[in-house]
Amino acid sequence: MKVTRKLFIRLGAVLVIIILGVVMFFVGKQHTILIDNFSSGDYRALDEFWVSVDGSDYLDMSRMMREQFVVMGQKHNISLQWEDEASGQMLAVSFNISIPLNEDMMLLSVPTFMADMNAPQSTWLTHFESQATPSSSSPEDNTVVLDDTASFSSF
């Protein structure tokens, strides 16, 4: 009787640890959301607006700007505020996004979103991959000259 009771307690403890690990993986996954205000195709960039992610302070954005927000979890709330040019009133929209688990960095195109707010999320929220190119790895490009007078050899 005591052996089975110990076995059940140990199995229960292992099961709780595994469940806790799975929950922490989903809740603690870190993502980067890039809020983009670049013109894309037929969609013109907004002159000025304010953006907030998950209740953070509003950041002022203008044309040709991109802001980065590091967030944790899969579901996030984005809030946008802008001034209507015709009436001068402040308008606001708040919407939820869901980031796929395997994505580390997502790009949210504000002009594309504003053109059609009812469009599917995949239209204005896309995977982003850095365009940075690695430096040359050839050994002759990486030589370091240690002689201080080496630059005077051409005189």
Protein backbone atom coordinates (compact mmCIF):
# COMPACT_ATOMS: atom_id res chain seq x y z
CA MET A 1 0.00 0.00 0.00
CA LYS A 2 2.80 2.45 0.90
CA VAL A 3 4.70 1.75 -2.32
CA THR A 4 1.72 2.57 -4.53
CA ARG A 5 0.94 5.71 -2.54
CA LYS A 6 4.53 6.99 -2.92
CA LEU A 7 4.44 6.09 -6.60
CA PHE A 8 1.22 8.07 -7.16
CA ILE A 9 2.60 11.08 -5.28
CA ARG A 10 5.80 11.04 -7.34
CA LEU A 11 3.90 10.61 -10.61
CA GLY A 12 1.57 13.46 -9.61
CA ALA A 13 4.53 15.72 -8.82
CA VAL A 14 6.18 14.93 -12.18
CA LEU A 15 2.88 15.57 -13.99
CA VAL A 16 2.43 18.95 -12.24
CA ILE A 17 5.98 19.97 -13.20
CA ILE A 18 5.40 18.99 -16.86
CA ILE A 19 2.10 20.88 -17.01
CA LEU A 20 3.71 23.93 -15.37
CA GLY A 21 6.55 23.80 -17.92
CA VAL A 22 4.13 23.70 -20.87
CA VAL A 23 2.08 26.61 -19.47
CA MET A 24 5.23 28.68 -18.84
CA PHE A 25 6.43 27.98 -22.40
CA PHE A 26 3.26 29.45 -23.90
CA VAL A 27 2.92 32.34 -21.45
CA GLY A 28 6.61 33.27 -21.29
CA LYS A 29 7.40 33.18 -25.02
CA GLN A 30 8.87 36.55 -26.04
CA HIS A 31 8.00 38.17 -29.38
CA THR A 32 8.89 41.41 -31.12
CA ILE A 33 6.17 43.44 -32.82
CA LEU A 34 7.32 46.05 -35.31
CA ILE A 35 4.75 48.81 -35.91
CA ASP A 36 5.43 50.11 -39.41
CA ASN A 37 4.29 53.39 -41.00
CA PHE A 38 5.82 53.06 -44.46
CA SER A 39 3.78 53.42 -47.64
CA SER A 40 3.19 50.03 -49.20
CA GLY A 41 1.75 49.64 -52.67
CA ASP A 42 -1.44 51.68 -52.97
CA TYR A 43 -1.58 52.41 -49.23
CA ARG A 44 -0.16 55.77 -48.18
CA ALA A 45 1.56 56.16 -44.80
CA LEU A 46 -0.28 58.15 -42.16
CA ASP A 47 0.99 61.65 -41.43
CA GLU A 48 0.88 61.21 -37.65
CA PHE A 49 -0.70 58.83 -35.14
CA TRP A 50 -0.11 57.41 -31.68
CA VAL A 51 0.29 53.72 -30.89
CA SER A 52 0.11 51.67 -27.71
CA VAL A 53 0.70 47.95 -27.25
CA ASP A 54 -0.87 46.13 -24.30
CA GLY A 55 -1.65 49.35 -22.44
CA SER A 56 1.83 50.86 -22.64
CA ASP A 57 2.32 54.62 -22.99
CA TYR A 58 1.33 55.99 -26.39
CA LEU A 59 4.22 56.61 -28.78
CA ASP A 60 4.02 59.32 -31.43
CA MET A 61 4.69 58.05 -34.95
CA SER A 62 4.94 59.89 -38.25
CA ARG A 63 5.74 58.92 -41.82
CA MET A 64 8.66 56.59 -42.49
CA MET A 65 8.89 55.41 -38.87
CA ARG A 66 9.04 51.95 -37.37
CA GLU A 67 8.71 51.24 -33.64
CA GLN A 68 9.64 48.02 -31.88
CA PHE A 69 7.71 46.50 -28.98
CA VAL A 70 8.99 43.44 -27.12
CA VAL A 71 6.05 41.52 -25.68
CA MET A 72 5.40 38.22 -23.96
CA GLY A 73 2.57 35.84 -24.76
CA GLN A 74 0.53 35.12 -27.86
CA LYS A 75 -2.36 37.61 -27.66
CA HIS A 76 -1.91 41.38 -27.61
CA ASN A 77 -4.01 44.53 -27.79
CA ILE A 78 -2.95 47.33 -30.16
CA SER A 79 -4.46 50.82 -29.80
CA LEU A 80 -4.13 53.53 -32.45
CA GLN A 81 -5.17 57.18 -32.15
CA TRP A 82 -5.10 59.78 -34.89
CA GLU A 83 -6.60 63.15 -35.71
CA ASP A 84 -9.17 63.29 -38.48
CA GLU A 85 -8.00 65.93 -40.96
CA ALA A 86 -11.51 66.96 -42.01
CA SER A 87 -13.17 67.38 -38.62
CA GLY A 88 -10.16 67.81 -36.34
CA GLN A 89 -11.52 65.14 -33.97
CA MET A 90 -9.38 62.50 -32.33
CA LEU A 91 -10.29 59.02 -33.56
CA ALA A 92 -9.20 55.75 -32.01
CA VAL A 93 -9.28 52.07 -32.79
CA SER A 94 -8.27 49.16 -30.61
CA PHE A 95 -7.85 45.61 -31.88
CA ASN A 96 -6.41 42.29 -30.78
CA ILE A 97 -3.74 40.31 -32.56
CA SER A 98 -2.63 36.74 -32.11
CA ILE A 99 0.99 35.91 -32.84
CA PRO A 100 1.78 32.39 -34.03
CA LEU A 101 3.90 30.43 -31.56
CA ASN A 102 6.81 29.81 -33.93
CA GLU A 103 7.22 33.50 -34.89
CA ASP A 104 9.81 35.66 -33.14
CA MET A 105 9.31 38.93 -35.02
CA MET A 106 6.15 40.23 -36.69
CA LEU A 107 5.58 43.37 -38.77
CA LEU A 108 2.28 45.23 -38.44
CA SER A 109 1.71 47.59 -41.37
CA VAL A 110 -0.48 50.45 -40.12
CA PRO A 111 -1.29 51.86 -43.62
CA THR A 112 -2.45 48.40 -44.76
CA PHE A 113 -4.52 47.96 -41.59
CA MET A 114 -6.11 51.41 -41.90
CA ALA A 115 -7.03 50.80 -45.54
CA ASP A 116 -9.23 47.82 -44.59
CA MET A 117 -9.70 47.18 -40.88
CA ASN A 118 -11.91 44.18 -41.61
CA ALA A 119 -9.26 42.40 -43.66
CA PRO A 120 -7.82 39.19 -42.22
CA GLN A 121 -4.91 39.57 -39.80
CA SER A 122 -2.53 37.90 -42.28
CA THR A 123 -3.02 40.89 -44.63
CA TRP A 124 -1.46 43.49 -42.33
CA LEU A 125 0.49 41.35 -39.80
CA THR A 126 3.31 39.44 -41.46
CA HIS A 127 6.49 37.58 -40.59
CA PHE A 128 9.55 39.82 -40.50
CA GLU A 129 13.08 38.68 -41.14
CA SER A 130 16.00 41.02 -40.69
CA GLN A 131 17.65 42.18 -43.91
CA ALA A 132 21.05 42.64 -42.25
CA THR A 133 23.83 41.00 -44.21
CA PRO A 134 26.72 39.34 -42.39
CA SER A 135 30.17 40.77 -42.90
CA SER A 136 32.66 39.06 -45.15
CA SER A 137 34.22 35.98 -43.62
CA SER A 138 37.25 35.65 -45.90
CA PRO A 139 40.53 35.68 -43.93
CA GLU A 140 42.23 38.32 -46.13
CA ASP A 141 39.46 40.83 -45.30
CA ASN A 142 39.96 40.30 -41.59
CA THR A 143 43.70 40.95 -41.35
CA VAL A 144 44.80 43.32 -38.62
CA VAL A 145 47.89 45.48 -39.15
CA LEU A 146 49.85 45.83 -35.93
CA ASP A 147 52.72 47.93 -37.30
CA ASP A 148 52.15 51.66 -36.69
CA THR A 149 54.42 52.67 -39.55
CA ALA A 150 52.79 50.39 -42.13
CA SER A 151 50.74 53.25 -43.54
CA PHE A 152 53.93 55.22 -44.33
CA SER A 153 55.31 52.57 -46.69
CA SER A 154 53.68 54.22 -49.72
CA PHE A 155 55.73 57.46 -49.31
